[in-house]
Amino acid sequence: MTRLGVTAALLATTATMASAGGIDRSGQSIAPLFQEGGASGSYVQLSFGSVDPTANSAVLADPLERYNQTALAFKTDLSDSLSAALIVDRPFGADVAYTTAPVAGLGASVSTDAVTGLVRYKIGNGFSVHGGVRMMRASGSIVTTAVLNASSNWDAGYVVGAAYEIPDIALRVALTYNSGIRSRFTGTENGNPVTFNVDFPESVNLDFQTGIAANTLLTGSVRYAGWNGFNLTTSTPTQFVNFTGDTYTYSLGLGRRITDSFAMSASIGYEAPGNTPSSTALAPTTGLTSLTVGASYTMDNLEISGGVTVGRPGDQSIVLAGPTIVPFNNNTVVGAGIRIGMNF
């Protein structure tokens, strides 16, 4: 039943996409830290997802582009009470390209890479604490009234949290705080050297799962990300990005083991809409309602999981020069993902 919960939680985040409140993508999950290891106490997983969002307007062509997500994780038990994990993911990103006048040529291509090292200590009576260090780098280009190309070195943040478990009923509640990370960028603006700092937001993840019947698991999560005040202003100074609202994302799902080897899951997701209209053309949608269905197949120490997400990003309007307000309505997103996990 524990495996069911992890599968449902993972697939629920497959189609996370940019919203008006931020550019969240991975959800910064630490689920691999709670996976059971094999004979050596170790576990490894590789996941891949592809997301195709669409923002619809009667005036402008769809500016949102398809993007891929990959992640790698390794967890091992160091003793009966102590375990460690290494997680590699891409927590934030943006892929936006406008092709219709008067904003043709505007857009952004931004990516991040993060490596998170974690340890977990079991205190006893079902309680445990976890924490570690996250290193992140970012790079990309943004075209608004100016052209910016920049990248950062590896910068550090931290992770702390606690969990409570009752294994007999597959109950686990985990609360995790992810600190903000200040990234120091160097690059060019209109071909001239430029430097600036960007504060990526702090966040809090609350994840839970519990058995509610034989072979049936209820899962859920709440994520807060402090995007309000996220700002990219260069030393010239030119303001390229300015978000004015935090985001709250919720999911609720059910996992059901059909046979000893085969399980299925379904979950719904909701992200509350942000402020409208948007002051940046890089966020033509706000909020998200989604449905995810998934399945997993276990062969000895190998588990293969897959899922599909369909969703409705919320309506948004962007303010162009003039000022002209352009609405985006009836937006859609489709995502698919696969994960391979192995205990050894």
C-alpha atoms as a PDB file:
ATOM      1  CA  MET A   1       0.000   0.000   0.000  1.00  0.00           C
ATOM      2  CA  THR A   2       2.934   2.328   0.550  1.00  0.00           C
ATOM      3  CA  ARG A   3       3.961   1.955  -3.091  1.00  0.00           C
ATOM      4  CA  LEU A   4       0.443   2.846  -4.195  1.00  0.00           C
ATOM      5  CA  GLY A   5       0.599   6.116  -2.305  1.00  0.00           C
ATOM      6  CA  VAL A   6       3.925   7.135  -3.764  1.00  0.00           C
ATOM      7  CA  THR A   7       2.760   6.339  -7.297  1.00  0.00           C
ATOM      8  CA  ALA A   8      -0.416   8.386  -6.976  1.00  0.00           C
ATOM      9  CA  ALA A   9       1.435  11.340  -5.492  1.00  0.00           C
ATOM     10  CA  LEU A  10       4.073  11.279  -8.214  1.00  0.00           C
ATOM     11  CA  LEU A  11       1.631  11.099 -11.105  1.00  0.00           C
ATOM     12  CA  ALA A  12      -0.431  13.928  -9.668  1.00  0.00           C
ATOM     13  CA  THR A  13       2.486  16.269 -10.268  1.00  0.00           C
ATOM     14  CA  THR A  14       3.233  15.125 -13.825  1.00  0.00           C
ATOM     15  CA  ALA A  15       1.517  18.080 -15.504  1.00  0.00           C
ATOM     16  CA  THR A  16       2.429  20.859 -13.109  1.00  0.00           C
ATOM     17  CA  MET A  17       2.766  23.989 -15.229  1.00  0.00           C
ATOM     18  CA  ALA A  18       3.533  27.683 -14.973  1.00  0.00           C
ATOM     19  CA  SER A  19       0.789  29.893 -13.564  1.00  0.00           C
ATOM     20  CA  ALA A  20       0.394  33.593 -12.930  1.00  0.00           C
ATOM     21  CA  GLY A  21       1.832  33.130  -9.457  1.00  0.00           C
ATOM     22  CA  GLY A  22       5.052  31.438 -10.494  1.00  0.00           C
ATOM     23  CA  ILE A  23       6.926  29.013 -12.694  1.00  0.00           C
ATOM     24  CA  ASP A  24       6.636  25.905 -10.489  1.00  0.00           C
ATOM     25  CA  ARG A  25       7.202  22.570 -12.235  1.00  0.00           C
ATOM     26  CA  SER A  26       8.454  19.692 -10.078  1.00  0.00           C
ATOM     27  CA  GLY A  27       6.698  20.470  -6.794  1.00  0.00           C
ATOM     28  CA  GLN A  28      10.039  19.724  -5.050  1.00  0.00           C
ATOM     29  CA  SER A  29       8.858  16.297  -3.898  1.00  0.00           C
ATOM     30  CA  ILE A  30      11.006  14.335  -1.424  1.00  0.00           C
ATOM     31  CA  ALA A  31       8.901  11.135  -1.715  1.00  0.00           C
ATOM     32  CA  PRO A  32      11.933   8.925  -2.593  1.00  0.00           C
ATOM     33  CA  LEU A  33      13.295   9.514   0.919  1.00  0.00           C
ATOM     34  CA  PHE A  34      10.391   7.402   2.284  1.00  0.00           C
ATOM     35  CA  GLN A  35      10.738   4.511  -0.152  1.00  0.00           C
ATOM     36  CA  GLU A  36      11.565   1.075   1.216  1.00  0.00           C
ATOM     37  CA  GLY A  37      14.903  -0.281   0.047  1.00  0.00           C
ATOM     38  CA  GLY A  38      15.713  -3.806  -1.077  1.00  0.00           C
ATOM     39  CA  ALA A  39      18.202  -6.262   0.418  1.00  0.00           C
ATOM     40  CA  SER A  40      20.866  -3.547   0.724  1.00  0.00           C
ATOM     41  CA  GLY A  41      18.349  -0.954   1.906  1.00  0.00           C
ATOM     42  CA  SER A  42      18.644   1.012  -1.337  1.00  0.00           C
ATOM     43  CA  TYR A  43      16.203   2.333  -3.925  1.00  0.00           C
ATOM     44  CA  VAL A  44      16.681   4.204  -7.215  1.00  0.00           C
ATOM     45  CA  GLN A  45      14.135   5.801  -9.547  1.00  0.00           C
ATOM     46  CA  LEU A  46      14.109   7.614 -12.872  1.00  0.00           C
ATOM     47  CA  SER A  47      11.114   9.604 -14.104  1.00  0.00           C
ATOM     48  CA  PHE A  48      10.283  11.414 -17.326  1.00  0.00           C
ATOM     49  CA  GLY A  49       7.305  13.590 -18.223  1.00  0.00           C
ATOM     50  CA  SER A  50       6.142  15.677 -21.158  1.00  0.00           C
ATOM     51  CA  VAL A  51       3.687  18.554 -20.800  1.00  0.00           C
ATOM     52  CA  ASP A  52       1.795  20.367 -23.573  1.00  0.00           C
ATOM     53  CA  PRO A  53      -0.036  23.496 -22.321  1.00  0.00           C
ATOM     54  CA  THR A  54      -2.220  25.729 -24.492  1.00  0.00           C
ATOM     55  CA  ALA A  55      -3.364  29.312 -23.854  1.00  0.00           C
ATOM     56  CA  ASN A  56      -6.196  30.372 -26.191  1.00  0.00           C
ATOM     57  CA  SER A  57      -6.864  33.933 -27.344  1.00  0.00           C
ATOM     58  CA  ALA A  58      -8.963  35.423 -30.152  1.00  0.00           C
ATOM     59  CA  VAL A  59      -6.187  37.966 -30.744  1.00  0.00           C
ATOM     60  CA  LEU A  60      -2.880  36.130 -30.226  1.00  0.00           C
ATOM     61  CA  ALA A  61      -1.603  32.700 -31.213  1.00  0.00           C
ATOM     62  CA  ASP A  62      -0.943  30.217 -28.399  1.00  0.00           C
ATOM     63  CA  PRO A  63       2.363  31.309 -26.768  1.00  0.00           C
ATOM     64  CA  LEU A  64       2.915  28.294 -24.489  1.00  0.00           C
ATOM     65  CA  GLU A  65       5.353  25.623 -25.660  1.00  0.00           C
ATOM     66  CA  ARG A  66       5.657  21.929 -24.858  1.00  0.00           C
ATOM     67  CA  TYR A  67       8.313  21.062 -22.296  1.00  0.00           C
ATOM     68  CA  ASN A  68       9.838  17.929 -20.758  1.00  0.00           C
ATOM     69  CA  GLN A  69      10.636  17.073 -17.157  1.00  0.00           C
ATOM     70  CA  THR A  70      13.192  14.540 -15.894  1.00  0.00           C
ATOM     71  CA  ALA A  71      14.172  13.514 -12.386  1.00  0.00           C
ATOM     72  CA  LEU A  72      16.516  11.008 -10.759  1.00  0.00           C
ATOM     73  CA  ALA A  73      16.591   9.862  -7.149  1.00  0.00           C
ATOM     74  CA  PHE A  74      18.617   7.466  -5.008  1.00  0.00           C
ATOM     75  CA  LYS A  75      17.859   6.477  -1.410  1.00  0.00           C
ATOM     76  CA  THR A  76      19.723   4.169   0.953  1.00  0.00           C
ATOM     77  CA  ASP A  77      19.464   3.083   4.599  1.00  0.00           C
ATOM     78  CA  LEU A  78      22.558   3.889   6.641  1.00  0.00           C
ATOM     79  CA  SER A  79      21.200   2.157   9.754  1.00  0.00           C
ATOM     80  CA  ASP A  80      17.875   1.092  11.232  1.00  0.00           C
ATOM     81  CA  SER A  81      17.180   4.713  12.160  1.00  0.00           C
ATOM     82  CA  LEU A  82      19.106   6.750   9.589  1.00  0.00           C
ATOM     83  CA  SER A  83      18.647   6.993   5.816  1.00  0.00           C
ATOM     84  CA  ALA A  84      19.858   9.322   3.084  1.00  0.00           C
ATOM     85  CA  ALA A  85      18.657  10.376  -0.361  1.00  0.00           C
ATOM     86  CA  LEU A  86      19.917  12.306  -3.352  1.00  0.00           C
ATOM     87  CA  ILE A  87      17.307  13.882  -5.668  1.00  0.00           C
ATOM     88  CA  VAL A  88      18.031  15.566  -9.013  1.00  0.00           C
ATOM     89  CA  ASP A  89      15.186  17.526 -10.629  1.00  0.00           C
ATOM     90  CA  ARG A  90      14.208  20.694 -12.478  1.00  0.00           C
ATOM     91  CA  PRO A  91      12.025  22.647 -10.048  1.00  0.00           C
ATOM     92  CA  PHE A  92      11.272  25.809 -12.052  1.00  0.00           C
ATOM     93  CA  GLY A  93      11.038  26.792 -15.705  1.00  0.00           C
ATOM     94  CA  ALA A  94       9.277  28.742 -18.436  1.00  0.00           C
ATOM     95  CA  ASP A  95       8.812  28.196 -22.174  1.00  0.00           C
ATOM     96  CA  VAL A  96       6.804  31.034 -23.735  1.00  0.00           C
ATOM     97  CA  ALA A  97       7.044  32.385 -27.293  1.00  0.00           C
ATOM     98  CA  TYR A  98       4.703  34.975 -28.871  1.00  0.00           C
ATOM     99  CA  THR A  99       4.416  34.942 -32.669  1.00  0.00           C
ATOM    100  CA  THR A 100       1.555  37.406 -33.274  1.00  0.00           C
ATOM    101  CA  ALA A 101       1.832  41.218 -33.559  1.00  0.00           C
ATOM    102  CA  PRO A 102       2.085  43.428 -31.561  1.00  0.00           C
ATOM    103  CA  VAL A 103       4.048  41.095 -29.254  1.00  0.00           C
ATOM    104  CA  ALA A 104       5.753  38.876 -31.857  1.00  0.00           C
ATOM    105  CA  GLY A 105       9.221  37.939 -30.650  1.00  0.00           C
ATOM    106  CA  LEU A 106       8.454  38.332 -26.963  1.00  0.00           C
ATOM    107  CA  GLY A 107       8.925  35.295 -24.762  1.00  0.00           C
ATOM    108  CA  ALA A 108      11.134  33.361 -22.400  1.00  0.00           C
ATOM    109  CA  SER A 109      13.083  30.130 -22.185  1.00  0.00           C
ATOM    110  CA  VAL A 110      14.205  29.503 -18.603  1.00  0.00           C
ATOM    111  CA  SER A 111      15.403  26.270 -16.996  1.00  0.00           C
ATOM    112  CA  THR A 112      16.724  25.243 -13.601  1.00  0.00           C
ATOM    113  CA  ASP A 113      18.619  22.230 -12.271  1.00  0.00           C
ATOM    114  CA  ALA A 114      18.607  21.231  -8.605  1.00  0.00           C
ATOM    115  CA  VAL A 115      20.471  18.609  -6.585  1.00  0.00           C
ATOM    116  CA  THR A 116      19.072  17.909  -3.112  1.00  0.00           C
ATOM    117  CA  GLY A 117      20.882  15.861  -0.464  1.00  0.00           C
ATOM    118  CA  LEU A 118      18.683  14.674   2.413  1.00  0.00           C
ATOM    119  CA  VAL A 119      18.970  12.624   5.584  1.00  0.00           C
ATOM    120  CA  ARG A 120      16.138  11.184   7.666  1.00  0.00           C
ATOM    121  CA  TYR A 121      16.296  10.101  11.288  1.00  0.00           C
ATOM    122  CA  LYS A 122      13.610   7.951  12.937  1.00  0.00           C
ATOM    123  CA  ILE A 123      13.075   9.254  16.472  1.00  0.00           C
ATOM    124  CA  GLY A 124      10.708   6.459  17.481  1.00  0.00           C
ATOM    125  CA  ASN A 125       6.980   5.920  18.031  1.00  0.00           C
ATOM    126  CA  GLY A 126       6.380   6.660  14.335  1.00  0.00           C
ATOM    127  CA  PHE A 127       8.054  10.073  14.327  1.00  0.00           C
ATOM    128  CA  SER A 128      10.988  11.094  12.151  1.00  0.00           C
ATOM    129  CA  VAL A 129      12.777  14.273  11.115  1.00  0.00           C
ATOM    130  CA  HIS A 130      14.460  15.044   7.808  1.00  0.00           C
ATOM    131  CA  GLY A 131      16.561  17.787   6.287  1.00  0.00           C
ATOM    132  CA  GLY A 132      19.390  18.641   3.989  1.00  0.00           C
ATOM    133  CA  VAL A 133      20.862  21.000   1.428  1.00  0.00           C
ATOM    134  CA  ARG A 134      19.589  21.934  -2.031  1.00  0.00           C
ATOM    135  CA  MET A 135      21.926  23.293  -4.695  1.00  0.00           C
ATOM    136  CA  MET A 136      20.358  25.000  -7.722  1.00  0.00           C
ATOM    137  CA  ARG A 137      21.456  26.752 -10.894  1.00  0.00           C
ATOM    138  CA  ALA A 138      19.410  28.561 -13.524  1.00  0.00           C
ATOM    139  CA  SER A 139      19.867  29.842 -17.054  1.00  0.00           C
ATOM    140  CA  GLY A 140      17.832  31.217 -19.917  1.00  0.00           C
ATOM    141  CA  SER A 141      16.749  34.122 -22.046  1.00  0.00           C
ATOM    142  CA  ILE A 142      13.892  36.606 -21.796  1.00  0.00           C
ATOM    143  CA  VAL A 143      12.734  39.009 -24.506  1.00  0.00           C
ATOM    144  CA  THR A 144      10.434  41.891 -23.514  1.00  0.00           C
ATOM    145  CA  THR A 145      11.414  45.495 -24.188  1.00  0.00           C
ATOM    146  CA  ALA A 146      15.024  44.255 -24.040  1.00  0.00           C
ATOM    147  CA  VAL A 147      16.859  40.999 -24.714  1.00  0.00           C
ATOM    148  CA  LEU A 148      18.336  39.244 -21.671  1.00  0.00           C
ATOM    149  CA  ASN A 149      20.593  36.177 -21.691  1.00  0.00           C
ATOM    150  CA  ALA A 150      21.944  35.078 -18.315  1.00  0.00           C
ATOM    151  CA  SER A 151      22.926  32.158 -16.111  1.00  0.00           C
ATOM    152  CA  SER A 152      23.845  31.524 -12.491  1.00  0.00           C
ATOM    153  CA  ASN A 153      26.353  29.313 -10.717  1.00  0.00           C
ATOM    154  CA  TRP A 154      25.227  26.758  -8.140  1.00  0.00           C
ATOM    155  CA  ASP A 155      23.572  28.483  -5.170  1.00  0.00           C
ATOM    156  CA  ALA A 156      22.422  26.873  -1.912  1.00  0.00           C
ATOM    157  CA  GLY A 157      19.260  26.554   0.123  1.00  0.00           C
ATOM    158  CA  TYR A 158      18.077  24.114   2.773  1.00  0.00           C
ATOM    159  CA  VAL A 159      15.265  21.651   3.484  1.00  0.00           C
ATOM    160  CA  VAL A 160      13.820  20.730   6.920  1.00  0.00           C
ATOM    161  CA  GLY A 161      10.789  18.682   7.903  1.00  0.00           C
ATOM    162  CA  ALA A 162       9.143  16.024  10.027  1.00  0.00           C
ATOM    163  CA  ALA A 163       6.893  13.025   9.476  1.00  0.00           C
ATOM    164  CA  TYR A 164       4.617  10.671  11.394  1.00  0.00           C
ATOM    165  CA  GLU A 165       3.847   7.099  10.274  1.00  0.00           C
ATOM    166  CA  ILE A 166       1.715   4.130  11.285  1.00  0.00           C
ATOM    167  CA  PRO A 167       2.899   1.370   8.898  1.00  0.00           C
ATOM    168  CA  ASP A 168       0.068  -1.059   9.781  1.00  0.00           C
ATOM    169  CA  ILE A 169      -2.475   1.228   8.099  1.00  0.00           C
ATOM    170  CA  ALA A 170      -0.043   2.785   5.574  1.00  0.00           C
ATOM    171  CA  LEU A 171      -0.451   6.164   7.300  1.00  0.00           C
ATOM    172  CA  ARG A 172       2.143   8.851   6.694  1.00  0.00           C
ATOM    173  CA  VAL A 173       1.954  12.609   7.186  1.00  0.00           C
ATOM    174  CA  ALA A 174       5.019  14.619   6.153  1.00  0.00           C
ATOM    175  CA  LEU A 175       5.600  18.359   6.433  1.00  0.00           C
ATOM    176  CA  THR A 176       8.569  19.856   4.559  1.00  0.00           C
ATOM    177  CA  TYR A 177       9.902  23.406   4.360  1.00  0.00           C
ATOM    178  CA  ASN A 178      12.048  24.415   1.380  1.00  0.00           C
ATOM    179  CA  SER A 179      13.998  27.612   1.889  1.00  0.00           C
ATOM    180  CA  GLY A 180      14.260  30.284  -0.749  1.00  0.00           C
ATOM    181  CA  ILE A 181      17.420  30.394  -2.853  1.00  0.00           C
ATOM    182  CA  ARG A 182      19.138  33.602  -3.962  1.00  0.00           C
ATOM    183  CA  SER A 183      20.658  33.025  -7.410  1.00  0.00           C
ATOM    184  CA  ARG A 184      23.395  35.372  -8.603  1.00  0.00           C
ATOM    185  CA  PHE A 185      23.217  35.891 -12.371  1.00  0.00           C
ATOM    186  CA  THR A 186      25.673  37.212 -14.928  1.00  0.00           C
ATOM    187  CA  GLY A 187      24.903  37.719 -18.600  1.00  0.00           C
ATOM    188  CA  THR A 188      24.098  40.276 -21.254  1.00  0.00           C
ATOM    189  CA  GLU A 189      21.242  42.718 -21.776  1.00  0.00           C
ATOM    190  CA  ASN A 190      21.017  43.939 -25.364  1.00  0.00           C
ATOM    191  CA  GLY A 191      24.583  42.678 -25.744  1.00  0.00           C
ATOM    192  CA  ASN A 192      25.960  44.591 -22.751  1.00  0.00           C
ATOM    193  CA  PRO A 193      27.294  42.917 -19.567  1.00  0.00           C
ATOM    194  CA  VAL A 194      24.804  42.787 -16.717  1.00  0.00           C
ATOM    195  CA  THR A 195      24.552  41.295 -13.210  1.00  0.00           C
ATOM    196  CA  PHE A 196      21.577  40.793 -10.897  1.00  0.00           C
ATOM    197  CA  ASN A 197      20.108  38.576  -8.149  1.00  0.00           C
ATOM    198  CA  VAL A 198      16.865  36.589  -8.249  1.00  0.00           C
ATOM    199  CA  ASP A 199      15.264  35.199  -5.071  1.00  0.00           C
ATOM    200  CA  PHE A 200      13.529  31.921  -5.901  1.00  0.00           C
ATOM    201  CA  PRO A 201      10.673  31.381  -3.433  1.00  0.00           C
ATOM    202  CA  GLU A 202      10.410  29.451  -0.212  1.00  0.00           C
ATOM    203  CA  SER A 203       7.740  26.748  -0.119  1.00  0.00           C
ATOM    204  CA  VAL A 204       5.972  24.335   2.225  1.00  0.00           C
ATOM    205  CA  ASN A 205       4.749  20.862   1.246  1.00  0.00           C
ATOM    206  CA  LEU A 206       2.246  18.855   3.321  1.00  0.00           C
ATOM    207  CA  ASP A 207       1.810  15.270   2.060  1.00  0.00           C
ATOM    208  CA  PHE A 208      -0.329  12.518   3.525  1.00  0.00           C
ATOM    209  CA  GLN A 209      -1.508   9.014   2.784  1.00  0.00           C
ATOM    210  CA  THR A 210      -3.567   6.444   4.654  1.00  0.00           C
ATOM    211  CA  GLY A 211      -5.188   3.101   3.983  1.00  0.00           C
ATOM    212  CA  ILE A 212      -8.968   3.340   3.972  1.00  0.00           C
ATOM    213  CA  ALA A 213      -9.807  -0.267   2.973  1.00  0.00           C
ATOM    214  CA  ALA A 214      -8.013  -3.422   1.956  1.00  0.00           C
ATOM    215  CA  ASN A 215      -5.578  -2.583  -0.888  1.00  0.00           C
ATOM    216  CA  THR A 216      -6.954   0.973  -1.117  1.00  0.00           C
ATOM    217  CA  LEU A 217      -5.014   4.110  -0.290  1.00  0.00           C
ATOM    218  CA  LEU A 218      -6.124   7.726   0.073  1.00  0.00           C
ATOM    219  CA  THR A 219      -3.468  10.349  -0.748  1.00  0.00           C
ATOM    220  CA  GLY A 220      -3.335  14.108  -0.671  1.00  0.00           C
ATOM    221  CA  SER A 221      -1.029  17.098  -0.659  1.00  0.00           C
ATOM    222  CA  VAL A 222      -0.984  20.852  -0.111  1.00  0.00           C
ATOM    223  CA  ARG A 223       1.816  23.046  -1.450  1.00  0.00           C
ATOM    224  CA  TYR A 224       2.427  26.705  -0.705  1.00  0.00           C
ATOM    225  CA  ALA A 225       4.990  28.651  -2.756  1.00  0.00           C
ATOM    226  CA  GLY A 226       5.825  32.263  -1.949  1.00  0.00           C
ATOM    227  CA  TRP A 227       5.848  33.761  -5.448  1.00  0.00           C
ATOM    228  CA  ASN A 228       4.571  37.140  -4.261  1.00  0.00           C
ATOM    229  CA  GLY A 229       7.465  39.524  -4.777  1.00  0.00           C
ATOM    230  CA  PHE A 230       9.375  37.269  -7.188  1.00  0.00           C
ATOM    231  CA  ASN A 231      11.229  39.805  -9.280  1.00  0.00           C
ATOM    232  CA  LEU A 232      13.822  39.853 -12.029  1.00  0.00           C
ATOM    233  CA  THR A 233      15.321  43.320 -12.370  1.00  0.00           C
ATOM    234  CA  THR A 234      18.758  43.786 -13.891  1.00  0.00           C
ATOM    235  CA  SER A 235      21.392  46.337 -12.879  1.00  0.00           C
ATOM    236  CA  THR A 236      20.474  48.696 -15.772  1.00  0.00           C
ATOM    237  CA  PRO A 237      17.737  48.624 -14.213  1.00  0.00           C
ATOM    238  CA  THR A 238      15.170  46.825 -16.399  1.00  0.00           C
ATOM    239  CA  GLN A 239      12.319  44.824 -14.850  1.00  0.00           C
ATOM    240  CA  PHE A 240      11.677  41.631 -16.822  1.00  0.00           C
ATOM    241  CA  VAL A 241       9.447  39.687 -14.393  1.00  0.00           C
ATOM    242  CA  ASN A 242       7.361  40.674 -11.376  1.00  0.00           C
ATOM    243  CA  PHE A 243       4.878  38.272  -9.743  1.00  0.00           C
ATOM    244  CA  THR A 244       2.426  39.609  -7.163  1.00  0.00           C
ATOM    245  CA  GLY A 245       0.693  36.528  -5.712  1.00  0.00           C
ATOM    246  CA  ASP A 246       1.617  33.380  -3.778  1.00  0.00           C
ATOM    247  CA  THR A 247       0.341  30.009  -4.997  1.00  0.00           C
ATOM    248  CA  TYR A 248      -1.539  27.248  -3.168  1.00  0.00           C
ATOM    249  CA  THR A 249      -1.792  23.861  -4.873  1.00  0.00           C
ATOM    250  CA  TYR A 250      -3.922  20.934  -3.660  1.00  0.00           C
ATOM    251  CA  SER A 251      -4.301  17.310  -4.717  1.00  0.00           C
ATOM    252  CA  LEU A 252      -6.451  14.395  -3.568  1.00  0.00           C
ATOM    253  CA  GLY A 253      -6.238  10.862  -4.917  1.00  0.00           C
ATOM    254  CA  LEU A 254      -7.065   7.173  -4.535  1.00  0.00           C
ATOM    255  CA  GLY A 255      -4.800   4.214  -5.246  1.00  0.00           C
ATOM    256  CA  ARG A 256      -6.082   0.667  -5.605  1.00  0.00           C
ATOM    257  CA  ARG A 257      -4.074  -2.524  -5.896  1.00  0.00           C
ATOM    258  CA  ILE A 258      -5.921  -4.732  -8.397  1.00  0.00           C
ATOM    259  CA  THR A 259      -3.574  -7.730  -8.205  1.00  0.00           C
ATOM    260  CA  ASP A 260      -0.293  -8.444  -6.445  1.00  0.00           C
ATOM    261  CA  SER A 261       1.508  -6.879  -9.433  1.00  0.00           C
ATOM    262  CA  PHE A 262      -0.901  -4.295 -10.860  1.00  0.00           C
ATOM    263  CA  ALA A 263      -2.289  -1.115  -9.306  1.00  0.00           C
ATOM    264  CA  MET A 264      -4.208   1.926 -10.512  1.00  0.00           C
ATOM    265  CA  SER A 265      -4.609   5.458  -9.203  1.00  0.00           C
ATOM    266  CA  ALA A 266      -6.619   8.597  -9.873  1.00  0.00           C
ATOM    267  CA  SER A 267      -6.276  12.077  -8.433  1.00  0.00           C
ATOM    268  CA  ILE A 268      -7.631  15.571  -8.840  1.00  0.00           C
ATOM    269  CA  GLY A 269      -5.542  18.721  -8.533  1.00  0.00           C
ATOM    270  CA  TYR A 270      -6.377  22.357  -7.964  1.00  0.00           C
ATOM    271  CA  GLU A 271      -4.286  25.523  -7.904  1.00  0.00           C
ATOM    272  CA  ALA A 272      -6.065  28.692  -6.872  1.00  0.00           C
ATOM    273  CA  PRO A 273      -6.108  31.491  -9.503  1.00  0.00           C
ATOM    274  CA  GLY A 274      -3.777  34.446  -9.023  1.00  0.00           C
ATOM    275  CA  ASN A 275      -4.184  38.129  -9.731  1.00  0.00           C
ATOM    276  CA  THR A 276      -5.885  39.298 -12.949  1.00  0.00           C
ATOM    277  CA  PRO A 277      -4.924  40.966 -15.220  1.00  0.00           C
ATOM    278  CA  SER A 278      -1.286  39.915 -15.356  1.00  0.00           C
ATOM    279  CA  SER A 279       1.445  42.502 -15.558  1.00  0.00           C
ATOM    280  CA  THR A 280       3.689  40.077 -17.460  1.00  0.00           C
ATOM    281  CA  ALA A 281       3.086  38.430 -20.830  1.00  0.00           C
ATOM    282  CA  LEU A 282       5.107  35.465 -19.579  1.00  0.00           C
ATOM    283  CA  ALA A 283       2.100  34.178 -17.582  1.00  0.00           C
ATOM    284  CA  PRO A 284      -0.980  33.991 -19.870  1.00  0.00           C
ATOM    285  CA  THR A 285      -2.860  31.580 -17.540  1.00  0.00           C
ATOM    286  CA  THR A 286      -3.574  31.516 -13.823  1.00  0.00           C
ATOM    287  CA  GLY A 287      -4.477  28.581 -11.602  1.00  0.00           C
ATOM    288  CA  LEU A 288      -5.165  24.985 -12.659  1.00  0.00           C
ATOM    289  CA  THR A 289      -7.795  22.254 -12.289  1.00  0.00           C
ATOM    290  CA  SER A 290      -6.605  18.794 -13.327  1.00  0.00           C
ATOM    291  CA  LEU A 291      -7.386  15.078 -13.392  1.00  0.00           C
ATOM    292  CA  THR A 292      -4.692  12.394 -13.387  1.00  0.00           C
ATOM    293  CA  VAL A 293      -5.074   8.646 -13.950  1.00  0.00           C
ATOM    294  CA  GLY A 294      -2.173   6.263 -13.553  1.00  0.00           C
ATOM    295  CA  ALA A 295      -1.146   2.636 -13.261  1.00  0.00           C
ATOM    296  CA  SER A 296       1.853   0.708 -11.994  1.00  0.00           C
ATOM    297  CA  TYR A 297       3.188  -2.789 -12.571  1.00  0.00           C
ATOM    298  CA  THR A 298       5.587  -4.540 -10.197  1.00  0.00           C
ATOM    299  CA  MET A 299       7.994  -7.306 -11.245  1.00  0.00           C
ATOM    300  CA  ASP A 300      10.072  -8.593  -8.331  1.00  0.00           C
ATOM    301  CA  ASN A 301      12.147  -5.554  -7.269  1.00  0.00           C
ATOM    302  CA  LEU A 302      11.198  -3.414 -10.296  1.00  0.00           C
ATOM    303  CA  GLU A 303       8.172  -1.111 -10.539  1.00  0.00           C
ATOM    304  CA  ILE A 304       7.074   0.693 -13.705  1.00  0.00           C
ATOM    305  CA  SER A 305       4.511   3.478 -13.312  1.00  0.00           C
ATOM    306  CA  GLY A 306       2.806   5.707 -15.860  1.00  0.00           C
ATOM    307  CA  GLY A 307       0.103   8.320 -15.931  1.00  0.00           C
ATOM    308  CA  VAL A 308      -1.763  10.914 -17.955  1.00  0.00           C
ATOM    309  CA  THR A 309      -2.993  14.302 -16.771  1.00  0.00           C
ATOM    310  CA  VAL A 310      -5.562  16.553 -18.424  1.00  0.00           C
ATOM    311  CA  GLY A 311      -6.269  19.989 -17.029  1.00  0.00           C
ATOM    312  CA  ARG A 312      -7.810  23.428 -17.380  1.00  0.00           C
ATOM    313  CA  PRO A 313      -5.470  26.336 -16.616  1.00  0.00           C
ATOM    314  CA  GLY A 314      -7.503  29.316 -15.476  1.00  0.00           C
ATOM    315  CA  ASP A 315      -8.447  32.350 -17.578  1.00  0.00           C
ATOM    316  CA  GLN A 316      -6.038  35.267 -17.567  1.00  0.00           C
ATOM    317  CA  SER A 317      -5.627  38.643 -19.243  1.00  0.00           C
ATOM    318  CA  ILE A 318      -2.327  40.336 -20.027  1.00  0.00           C
ATOM    319  CA  VAL A 319      -1.732  44.060 -20.347  1.00  0.00           C
ATOM    320  CA  LEU A 320       0.076  45.158 -23.511  1.00  0.00           C
ATOM    321  CA  ALA A 321       1.313  48.590 -24.528  1.00  0.00           C
ATOM    322  CA  GLY A 322      -1.463  51.070 -25.173  1.00  0.00           C
ATOM    323  CA  PRO A 323      -2.701  49.827 -22.761  1.00  0.00           C
ATOM    324  CA  THR A 324      -4.444  46.910 -24.469  1.00  0.00           C
ATOM    325  CA  ILE A 325      -5.834  44.013 -22.418  1.00  0.00           C
ATOM    326  CA  VAL A 326      -5.775  40.610 -24.166  1.00  0.00           C
ATOM    327  CA  PRO A 327      -7.790  37.766 -22.570  1.00  0.00           C
ATOM    328  CA  PHE A 328      -6.829  34.062 -22.658  1.00  0.00           C
ATOM    329  CA  ASN A 329      -9.767  31.699 -22.116  1.00  0.00           C
ATOM    330  CA  ASN A 330     -10.618  27.974 -22.321  1.00  0.00           C
ATOM    331  CA  ASN A 331      -6.985  27.008 -21.827  1.00  0.00           C
ATOM    332  CA  THR A 332      -5.885  23.355 -21.706  1.00  0.00           C
ATOM    333  CA  VAL A 333      -2.952  21.203 -20.643  1.00  0.00           C
ATOM    334  CA  VAL A 334      -2.113  17.544 -21.320  1.00  0.00           C
ATOM    335  CA  GLY A 335       0.767  15.747 -19.654  1.00  0.00           C
ATOM    336  CA  ALA A 336       2.105  12.201 -19.611  1.00  0.00           C
ATOM    337  CA  GLY A 337       4.785  10.656 -17.458  1.00  0.00           C
ATOM    338  CA  ILE A 338       6.595   7.408 -16.720  1.00  0.00           C
ATOM    339  CA  ARG A 339       8.679   6.334 -13.734  1.00  0.00           C
ATOM    340  CA  ILE A 340      10.929   3.316 -13.231  1.00  0.00           C
ATOM    341  CA  GLY A 341      11.843   2.412  -9.661  1.00  0.00           C
ATOM    342  CA  MET A 342      14.014  -0.425  -8.370  1.00  0.00           C
ATOM    343  CA  ASN A 343      14.746  -1.742  -4.885  1.00  0.00           C
ATOM    344  CA  PHE A 344      18.084  -3.461  -4.341  1.00  0.00           C
END
